[in-house]
Amino acid sequence: MSSSRRPNPNHLLAALPAAEFERLAAHLELVPLPLGELLYEPGIKLQHAYFPTTAIVSLRYVMESGASAETAGVGNEGVVGISLFMGGDTMPSSAVVQVAGHAYRLEGRLLQQEFGCTSLLRRLLLRYTQALITQMTQTAACNRHHSIEQQLCRWLLLTLDRLPSNELIITHEMVASILGVRREGITEAAGKLQRAGFIRYRRGHITVLERSGLETHACECYTVVRKELSRLLSDVRFHQDNTAAVH
């Protein structure tokens, strides 16, 4: 990748100051992530980290029965492969491309090297990891205590935050798998949202017509996740701006 081109679509990379970004630029490879691609499997050592730009990756746990549920989603706000710099090397879950697009791929050893010697990148990645843990925690609480309609609203809003448009290419079956519920439950919940005028659904496509309506019907979990991500990453940017001003 040309060092003169900064990957603005990924917020973590875009938050790096020029000097720290330049060290990574030559090693970042823009790669396509087709729908359904498996980026890593349970127990397999990770070789690369992925910084999504237009793609969205679903972190899922698959039960022995074959049933699965999403623990978190990663889009242009984050990175896939935190175990590379957290010291674990592997994960018990899998990472599957939920929305096709692109990501910047970086070799794991290079990320580990930069994590060890670059203080701002290390701080940025650790703050993002805390935000990811918040998302996972909130997802677990939401799936236990809130209705399928509320869960669907939360998921739609978080997905919209990572997309440049208000249209999602996804089936009810895929949404049901992500949320770990029956397809009939998603069909019923989506029908209610469509009758309210918040979304329009046709096979394989969901278009959000009125975001404010989804926000009204969503539980508090969406707001908790968004506020924590904004708080943690804005704090890093504030530190970065102050450091630049001093120097």
C-alpha atoms as a PDB file:
ATOM      1  CA  MET A   1       0.000   0.000   0.000  1.00  0.00           C
ATOM      2  CA  SER A   2       1.257   3.496  -0.817  1.00  0.00           C
ATOM      3  CA  SER A   3       2.270   5.339   2.334  1.00  0.00           C
ATOM      4  CA  SER A   4       0.675   8.506   0.979  1.00  0.00           C
ATOM      5  CA  ARG A   5      -2.801   6.925   1.127  1.00  0.00           C
ATOM      6  CA  ARG A   6      -4.266   6.818   4.604  1.00  0.00           C
ATOM      7  CA  PRO A   7      -7.035   4.235   5.150  1.00  0.00           C
ATOM      8  CA  ASN A   8      -9.639   6.678   6.416  1.00  0.00           C
ATOM      9  CA  PRO A   9     -12.491   4.135   6.250  1.00  0.00           C
ATOM     10  CA  ASN A  10     -10.992   2.238   9.217  1.00  0.00           C
ATOM     11  CA  HIS A  11     -11.169   4.427  12.300  1.00  0.00           C
ATOM     12  CA  LEU A  12      -8.383   2.716  14.244  1.00  0.00           C
ATOM     13  CA  LEU A  13      -5.812   3.153  11.471  1.00  0.00           C
ATOM     14  CA  ALA A  14      -7.025   6.654  10.669  1.00  0.00           C
ATOM     15  CA  ALA A  15      -6.503   7.663  14.317  1.00  0.00           C
ATOM     16  CA  LEU A  16      -2.759   6.980  14.127  1.00  0.00           C
ATOM     17  CA  PRO A  17      -0.435   9.964  13.694  1.00  0.00           C
ATOM     18  CA  ALA A  18       1.542  10.065  10.455  1.00  0.00           C
ATOM     19  CA  ALA A  19       4.829   8.736  11.870  1.00  0.00           C
ATOM     20  CA  GLU A  20       3.250   5.658  13.438  1.00  0.00           C
ATOM     21  CA  PHE A  21       1.030   5.010  10.442  1.00  0.00           C
ATOM     22  CA  GLU A  22       3.978   5.166   8.016  1.00  0.00           C
ATOM     23  CA  ARG A  23       5.584   2.148   9.681  1.00  0.00           C
ATOM     24  CA  LEU A  24       2.479   0.090   8.957  1.00  0.00           C
ATOM     25  CA  ALA A  25       1.534   1.470   5.552  1.00  0.00           C
ATOM     26  CA  ALA A  26       3.899  -0.641   3.447  1.00  0.00           C
ATOM     27  CA  HIS A  27       2.623  -3.819   5.123  1.00  0.00           C
ATOM     28  CA  LEU A  28      -1.123  -3.153   4.844  1.00  0.00           C
ATOM     29  CA  GLU A  29      -2.785  -5.139   2.082  1.00  0.00           C
ATOM     30  CA  LEU A  30      -6.275  -4.200   0.927  1.00  0.00           C
ATOM     31  CA  VAL A  31      -8.123  -7.490   0.411  1.00  0.00           C
ATOM     32  CA  PRO A  32     -11.693  -8.374  -0.587  1.00  0.00           C
ATOM     33  CA  LEU A  33     -13.775 -10.194   2.001  1.00  0.00           C
ATOM     34  CA  PRO A  34     -16.584 -12.108   0.265  1.00  0.00           C
ATOM     35  CA  LEU A  35     -19.791 -12.937   2.112  1.00  0.00           C
ATOM     36  CA  GLY A  36     -19.402 -16.022   4.285  1.00  0.00           C
ATOM     37  CA  GLU A  37     -15.586 -16.177   4.214  1.00  0.00           C
ATOM     38  CA  LEU A  38     -14.137 -17.733   7.359  1.00  0.00           C
ATOM     39  CA  LEU A  39     -11.278 -15.548   8.629  1.00  0.00           C
ATOM     40  CA  TYR A  40     -10.384 -17.799  11.537  1.00  0.00           C
ATOM     41  CA  GLU A  41     -11.617 -20.972  13.154  1.00  0.00           C
ATOM     42  CA  PRO A  42     -11.731 -22.082  16.811  1.00  0.00           C
ATOM     43  CA  GLY A  43      -8.359 -23.193  18.154  1.00  0.00           C
ATOM     44  CA  ILE A  44      -6.415 -22.323  14.988  1.00  0.00           C
ATOM     45  CA  LYS A  45      -3.498 -19.931  15.409  1.00  0.00           C
ATOM     46  CA  LEU A  46      -4.202 -16.595  13.784  1.00  0.00           C
ATOM     47  CA  GLN A  47      -1.844 -15.483  11.021  1.00  0.00           C
ATOM     48  CA  HIS A  48      -3.300 -12.068  10.169  1.00  0.00           C
ATOM     49  CA  ALA A  49      -5.220  -9.186  11.662  1.00  0.00           C
ATOM     50  CA  TYR A  50      -7.968  -7.543   9.609  1.00  0.00           C
ATOM     51  CA  PHE A  51      -8.947  -3.877   9.781  1.00  0.00           C
ATOM     52  CA  PRO A  52     -12.332  -3.735   7.988  1.00  0.00           C
ATOM     53  CA  THR A  53     -13.194  -0.757   5.811  1.00  0.00           C
ATOM     54  CA  THR A  54     -16.467  -1.682   4.110  1.00  0.00           C
ATOM     55  CA  ALA A  55     -16.846  -5.289   5.280  1.00  0.00           C
ATOM     56  CA  ILE A  56     -18.460  -6.388   8.543  1.00  0.00           C
ATOM     57  CA  VAL A  57     -17.223  -9.489  10.344  1.00  0.00           C
ATOM     58  CA  SER A  58     -19.307 -11.529  12.765  1.00  0.00           C
ATOM     59  CA  LEU A  59     -17.588 -13.135  15.759  1.00  0.00           C
ATOM     60  CA  ARG A  60     -19.563 -16.287  16.513  1.00  0.00           C
ATOM     61  CA  TYR A  61     -19.531 -19.274  18.792  1.00  0.00           C
ATOM     62  CA  VAL A  62     -20.765 -22.531  17.285  1.00  0.00           C
ATOM     63  CA  MET A  63     -22.182 -25.161  19.630  1.00  0.00           C
ATOM     64  CA  GLU A  64     -21.553 -28.904  19.283  1.00  0.00           C
ATOM     65  CA  SER A  65     -25.130 -29.171  17.986  1.00  0.00           C
ATOM     66  CA  GLY A  66     -24.294 -26.803  15.140  1.00  0.00           C
ATOM     67  CA  ALA A  67     -26.340 -23.898  16.535  1.00  0.00           C
ATOM     68  CA  SER A  68     -24.522 -20.585  16.605  1.00  0.00           C
ATOM     69  CA  ALA A  69     -24.846 -17.054  17.933  1.00  0.00           C
ATOM     70  CA  GLU A  70     -22.924 -13.833  17.415  1.00  0.00           C
ATOM     71  CA  THR A  71     -20.968 -12.490  20.362  1.00  0.00           C
ATOM     72  CA  ALA A  72     -19.945  -9.261  18.581  1.00  0.00           C
ATOM     73  CA  GLY A  73     -19.619  -7.612  15.202  1.00  0.00           C
ATOM     74  CA  VAL A  74     -16.566  -5.800  13.846  1.00  0.00           C
ATOM     75  CA  GLY A  75     -16.682  -3.164  11.136  1.00  0.00           C
ATOM     76  CA  ASN A  76     -14.751  -0.042  10.225  1.00  0.00           C
ATOM     77  CA  GLU A  77     -14.492   0.892  13.905  1.00  0.00           C
ATOM     78  CA  GLY A  78     -12.221  -1.993  14.818  1.00  0.00           C
ATOM     79  CA  VAL A  79      -9.938  -4.924  14.156  1.00  0.00           C
ATOM     80  CA  VAL A  80     -10.424  -8.681  13.853  1.00  0.00           C
ATOM     81  CA  GLY A  81      -7.756 -10.740  15.629  1.00  0.00           C
ATOM     82  CA  ILE A  82      -7.297  -9.249  19.107  1.00  0.00           C
ATOM     83  CA  SER A  83      -5.766 -12.497  20.394  1.00  0.00           C
ATOM     84  CA  LEU A  84      -2.644 -11.661  18.348  1.00  0.00           C
ATOM     85  CA  PHE A  85      -1.741  -8.799  20.674  1.00  0.00           C
ATOM     86  CA  MET A  86      -3.494 -10.062  23.806  1.00  0.00           C
ATOM     87  CA  GLY A  87      -1.163 -13.073  23.931  1.00  0.00           C
ATOM     88  CA  GLY A  88      -3.622 -15.886  23.286  1.00  0.00           C
ATOM     89  CA  ASP A  89      -2.885 -16.591  19.595  1.00  0.00           C
ATOM     90  CA  THR A  90      -6.151 -18.564  19.239  1.00  0.00           C
ATOM     91  CA  MET A  91      -9.847 -18.092  20.017  1.00  0.00           C
ATOM     92  CA  PRO A  92     -12.629 -20.567  20.870  1.00  0.00           C
ATOM     93  CA  SER A  93     -14.936 -18.762  18.431  1.00  0.00           C
ATOM     94  CA  SER A  94     -14.884 -18.115  14.691  1.00  0.00           C
ATOM     95  CA  ALA A  95     -14.893 -14.972  12.543  1.00  0.00           C
ATOM     96  CA  VAL A  96     -17.184 -14.984   9.494  1.00  0.00           C
ATOM     97  CA  VAL A  97     -17.762 -12.218   6.953  1.00  0.00           C
ATOM     98  CA  GLN A  98     -21.320 -11.014   7.506  1.00  0.00           C
ATOM     99  CA  VAL A  99     -21.323  -8.145   4.974  1.00  0.00           C
ATOM    100  CA  ALA A 100     -19.040  -8.424   1.943  1.00  0.00           C
ATOM    101  CA  GLY A 101     -16.508  -5.649   1.403  1.00  0.00           C
ATOM    102  CA  HIS A 102     -12.838  -4.932   1.978  1.00  0.00           C
ATOM    103  CA  ALA A 103     -10.350  -4.858   4.828  1.00  0.00           C
ATOM    104  CA  TYR A 104      -6.698  -4.043   5.360  1.00  0.00           C
ATOM    105  CA  ARG A 105      -4.814  -7.219   6.234  1.00  0.00           C
ATOM    106  CA  LEU A 106      -1.663  -7.148   8.359  1.00  0.00           C
ATOM    107  CA  GLU A 107       0.618 -10.052   9.258  1.00  0.00           C
ATOM    108  CA  GLY A 108       0.225 -11.056  12.874  1.00  0.00           C
ATOM    109  CA  ARG A 109       3.936 -10.865  13.685  1.00  0.00           C
ATOM    110  CA  LEU A 110       4.061  -7.258  12.425  1.00  0.00           C
ATOM    111  CA  LEU A 111       1.083  -6.269  14.542  1.00  0.00           C
ATOM    112  CA  GLN A 112       2.709  -7.866  17.580  1.00  0.00           C
ATOM    113  CA  GLN A 113       5.943  -6.026  16.844  1.00  0.00           C
ATOM    114  CA  GLU A 114       4.201  -2.660  16.538  1.00  0.00           C
ATOM    115  CA  PHE A 115       2.074  -3.350  19.602  1.00  0.00           C
ATOM    116  CA  GLY A 116       5.252  -3.859  21.611  1.00  0.00           C
ATOM    117  CA  CYS A 117       7.035  -0.698  20.513  1.00  0.00           C
ATOM    118  CA  THR A 118       4.325   1.845  19.610  1.00  0.00           C
ATOM    119  CA  SER A 119       2.597   3.339  22.637  1.00  0.00           C
ATOM    120  CA  LEU A 120      -0.342   5.020  20.885  1.00  0.00           C
ATOM    121  CA  LEU A 121      -1.179   1.975  18.750  1.00  0.00           C
ATOM    122  CA  ARG A 122      -0.995  -0.182  21.869  1.00  0.00           C
ATOM    123  CA  ARG A 123      -3.285   2.183  23.758  1.00  0.00           C
ATOM    124  CA  LEU A 124      -5.665   2.386  20.800  1.00  0.00           C
ATOM    125  CA  LEU A 125      -5.898  -1.406  20.444  1.00  0.00           C
ATOM    126  CA  LEU A 126      -6.386  -1.947  24.170  1.00  0.00           C
ATOM    127  CA  ARG A 127      -9.119   0.680  24.301  1.00  0.00           C
ATOM    128  CA  TYR A 128     -10.824  -0.932  21.336  1.00  0.00           C
ATOM    129  CA  THR A 129     -10.565  -4.321  23.065  1.00  0.00           C
ATOM    130  CA  GLN A 130     -12.349  -2.875  26.096  1.00  0.00           C
ATOM    131  CA  ALA A 131     -15.105  -1.577  23.801  1.00  0.00           C
ATOM    132  CA  LEU A 132     -15.345  -5.021  22.177  1.00  0.00           C
ATOM    133  CA  ILE A 133     -15.677  -6.666  25.590  1.00  0.00           C
ATOM    134  CA  THR A 134     -18.480  -4.216  26.370  1.00  0.00           C
ATOM    135  CA  GLN A 135     -20.235  -5.210  23.148  1.00  0.00           C
ATOM    136  CA  MET A 136     -19.894  -8.908  24.014  1.00  0.00           C
ATOM    137  CA  THR A 137     -21.160  -8.378  27.550  1.00  0.00           C
ATOM    138  CA  GLN A 138     -24.097  -6.290  26.391  1.00  0.00           C
ATOM    139  CA  THR A 139     -24.968  -8.820  23.686  1.00  0.00           C
ATOM    140  CA  ALA A 140     -25.144 -11.595  26.275  1.00  0.00           C
ATOM    141  CA  ALA A 141     -27.380  -9.507  28.542  1.00  0.00           C
ATOM    142  CA  CYS A 142     -29.566  -8.411  25.629  1.00  0.00           C
ATOM    143  CA  ASN A 143     -30.068 -11.945  24.344  1.00  0.00           C
ATOM    144  CA  ARG A 144     -31.132 -13.057  27.818  1.00  0.00           C
ATOM    145  CA  HIS A 145     -33.447 -10.229  28.857  1.00  0.00           C
ATOM    146  CA  HIS A 146     -34.814  -8.452  25.794  1.00  0.00           C
ATOM    147  CA  SER A 147     -37.330  -9.374  23.124  1.00  0.00           C
ATOM    148  CA  ILE A 148     -36.366 -10.552  19.645  1.00  0.00           C
ATOM    149  CA  GLU A 149     -37.726  -7.275  18.259  1.00  0.00           C
ATOM    150  CA  GLN A 150     -35.441  -5.279  20.557  1.00  0.00           C
ATOM    151  CA  GLN A 151     -32.469  -7.490  19.685  1.00  0.00           C
ATOM    152  CA  LEU A 152     -33.174  -7.019  15.982  1.00  0.00           C
ATOM    153  CA  CYS A 153     -33.342  -3.235  16.392  1.00  0.00           C
ATOM    154  CA  ARG A 154     -30.031  -3.250  18.287  1.00  0.00           C
ATOM    155  CA  TRP A 155     -28.359  -5.367  15.647  1.00  0.00           C
ATOM    156  CA  LEU A 156     -29.725  -3.303  12.754  1.00  0.00           C
ATOM    157  CA  LEU A 157     -28.531  -0.051  14.327  1.00  0.00           C
ATOM    158  CA  LEU A 158     -25.033  -1.369  15.057  1.00  0.00           C
ATOM    159  CA  THR A 159     -24.819  -2.701  11.503  1.00  0.00           C
ATOM    160  CA  LEU A 160     -26.004   0.605  10.012  1.00  0.00           C
ATOM    161  CA  ASP A 161     -23.298   2.443  11.949  1.00  0.00           C
ATOM    162  CA  ARG A 162     -20.719   0.477   9.959  1.00  0.00           C
ATOM    163  CA  LEU A 163     -22.303   0.872   6.516  1.00  0.00           C
ATOM    164  CA  PRO A 164     -22.302   3.777   4.019  1.00  0.00           C
ATOM    165  CA  SER A 165     -25.945   3.125   3.093  1.00  0.00           C
ATOM    166  CA  ASN A 166     -29.219   2.167   4.758  1.00  0.00           C
ATOM    167  CA  GLU A 167     -29.586  -1.143   2.916  1.00  0.00           C
ATOM    168  CA  LEU A 168     -28.436  -4.549   4.136  1.00  0.00           C
ATOM    169  CA  ILE A 169     -28.129  -7.601   1.924  1.00  0.00           C
ATOM    170  CA  ILE A 170     -29.022 -10.417   4.296  1.00  0.00           C
ATOM    171  CA  THR A 171     -31.707 -13.069   4.742  1.00  0.00           C
ATOM    172  CA  HIS A 172     -33.921 -13.799   7.730  1.00  0.00           C
ATOM    173  CA  GLU A 173     -32.091 -17.108   8.108  1.00  0.00           C
ATOM    174  CA  MET A 174     -28.751 -15.303   8.416  1.00  0.00           C
ATOM    175  CA  VAL A 175     -30.101 -12.813  10.947  1.00  0.00           C
ATOM    176  CA  ALA A 176     -31.609 -15.657  12.967  1.00  0.00           C
ATOM    177  CA  SER A 177     -28.245 -17.439  12.990  1.00  0.00           C
ATOM    178  CA  ILE A 178     -26.473 -14.274  14.118  1.00  0.00           C
ATOM    179  CA  LEU A 179     -28.896 -13.621  16.969  1.00  0.00           C
ATOM    180  CA  GLY A 180     -29.208 -17.295  17.887  1.00  0.00           C
ATOM    181  CA  VAL A 181     -32.991 -17.387  17.551  1.00  0.00           C
ATOM    182  CA  ARG A 182     -35.520 -19.162  15.308  1.00  0.00           C
ATOM    183  CA  ARG A 183     -36.105 -17.781  11.820  1.00  0.00           C
ATOM    184  CA  GLU A 184     -39.825 -17.491  12.555  1.00  0.00           C
ATOM    185  CA  GLY A 185     -39.032 -15.089  15.382  1.00  0.00           C
ATOM    186  CA  ILE A 186     -37.036 -12.830  13.049  1.00  0.00           C
ATOM    187  CA  THR A 187     -39.786 -12.945  10.412  1.00  0.00           C
ATOM    188  CA  GLU A 188     -42.374 -11.883  13.007  1.00  0.00           C
ATOM    189  CA  ALA A 189     -40.189  -9.094  14.430  1.00  0.00           C
ATOM    190  CA  ALA A 190     -39.234  -7.799  10.980  1.00  0.00           C
ATOM    191  CA  GLY A 191     -42.901  -7.821  10.000  1.00  0.00           C
ATOM    192  CA  LYS A 192     -43.781  -5.596  12.957  1.00  0.00           C
ATOM    193  CA  LEU A 193     -41.004  -3.148  12.087  1.00  0.00           C
ATOM    194  CA  GLN A 194     -42.120  -3.091   8.441  1.00  0.00           C
ATOM    195  CA  ARG A 195     -45.763  -2.446   9.347  1.00  0.00           C
ATOM    196  CA  ALA A 196     -44.589   0.428  11.556  1.00  0.00           C
ATOM    197  CA  GLY A 197     -42.798   1.917   8.552  1.00  0.00           C
ATOM    198  CA  PHE A 198     -39.287   1.597  10.030  1.00  0.00           C
ATOM    199  CA  ILE A 199     -37.921  -0.896   7.504  1.00  0.00           C
ATOM    200  CA  ARG A 200     -38.775  -2.385   4.122  1.00  0.00           C
ATOM    201  CA  TYR A 201     -38.012  -6.038   3.599  1.00  0.00           C
ATOM    202  CA  ARG A 202     -37.807  -8.058   0.416  1.00  0.00           C
ATOM    203  CA  ARG A 203     -36.079 -11.383   0.095  1.00  0.00           C
ATOM    204  CA  GLY A 204     -32.414 -10.979   0.944  1.00  0.00           C
ATOM    205  CA  HIS A 205     -32.644  -7.191   1.461  1.00  0.00           C
ATOM    206  CA  ILE A 206     -33.514  -5.015   4.454  1.00  0.00           C
ATOM    207  CA  THR A 207     -33.791  -1.262   3.897  1.00  0.00           C
ATOM    208  CA  VAL A 208     -34.028   1.033   6.908  1.00  0.00           C
ATOM    209  CA  LEU A 209     -36.553   3.783   6.231  1.00  0.00           C
ATOM    210  CA  GLU A 210     -36.746   5.464   9.633  1.00  0.00           C
ATOM    211  CA  ARG A 211     -33.712   5.081  11.871  1.00  0.00           C
ATOM    212  CA  SER A 212     -35.305   7.092  14.687  1.00  0.00           C
ATOM    213  CA  GLY A 213     -38.072   4.501  14.895  1.00  0.00           C
ATOM    214  CA  LEU A 214     -35.530   1.712  15.378  1.00  0.00           C
ATOM    215  CA  GLU A 215     -33.785   3.763  18.070  1.00  0.00           C
ATOM    216  CA  THR A 216     -37.089   4.213  19.880  1.00  0.00           C
ATOM    217  CA  HIS A 217     -37.840   0.487  19.796  1.00  0.00           C
ATOM    218  CA  ALA A 218     -34.302  -0.678  20.643  1.00  0.00           C
ATOM    219  CA  CYS A 219     -33.336  -1.493  24.202  1.00  0.00           C
ATOM    220  CA  GLU A 220     -30.634   0.412  26.084  1.00  0.00           C
ATOM    221  CA  CYS A 221     -27.977  -2.041  24.894  1.00  0.00           C
ATOM    222  CA  TYR A 222     -27.379  -0.204  21.610  1.00  0.00           C
ATOM    223  CA  THR A 223     -26.730   3.094  23.374  1.00  0.00           C
ATOM    224  CA  VAL A 224     -24.406   1.472  25.934  1.00  0.00           C
ATOM    225  CA  VAL A 225     -22.233  -0.069  23.203  1.00  0.00           C
ATOM    226  CA  ARG A 226     -22.068   3.104  21.082  1.00  0.00           C
ATOM    227  CA  LYS A 227     -21.314   5.394  24.019  1.00  0.00           C
ATOM    228  CA  GLU A 228     -18.526   3.160  25.307  1.00  0.00           C
ATOM    229  CA  LEU A 229     -16.875   2.930  21.881  1.00  0.00           C
ATOM    230  CA  SER A 230     -17.095   6.694  21.432  1.00  0.00           C
ATOM    231  CA  ARG A 231     -15.785   7.372  24.942  1.00  0.00           C
ATOM    232  CA  LEU A 232     -12.797   5.066  24.669  1.00  0.00           C
ATOM    233  CA  LEU A 233     -11.645   6.049  21.185  1.00  0.00           C
ATOM    234  CA  SER A 234     -12.313   9.779  21.595  1.00  0.00           C
ATOM    235  CA  ASP A 235     -10.106   9.671  24.707  1.00  0.00           C
ATOM    236  CA  VAL A 236      -7.253   8.276  22.626  1.00  0.00           C
ATOM    237  CA  ARG A 237      -7.755  10.937  19.938  1.00  0.00           C
ATOM    238  CA  PHE A 238      -7.812  13.624  22.650  1.00  0.00           C
ATOM    239  CA  HIS A 239      -4.465  12.336  23.975  1.00  0.00           C
ATOM    240  CA  GLN A 240      -3.089  12.277  20.440  1.00  0.00           C
ATOM    241  CA  ASP A 241      -4.135  15.884  19.784  1.00  0.00           C
ATOM    242  CA  ASN A 242      -2.642  17.074  23.076  1.00  0.00           C
ATOM    243  CA  THR A 243       0.645  15.290  22.366  1.00  0.00           C
ATOM    244  CA  ALA A 244       0.859  16.873  18.927  1.00  0.00           C
ATOM    245  CA  ALA A 245       0.171  20.307  20.426  1.00  0.00           C
ATOM    246  CA  VAL A 246       2.969  19.909  22.980  1.00  0.00           C
ATOM    247  CA  HIS A 247       5.498  18.921  20.327  1.00  0.00           C
END
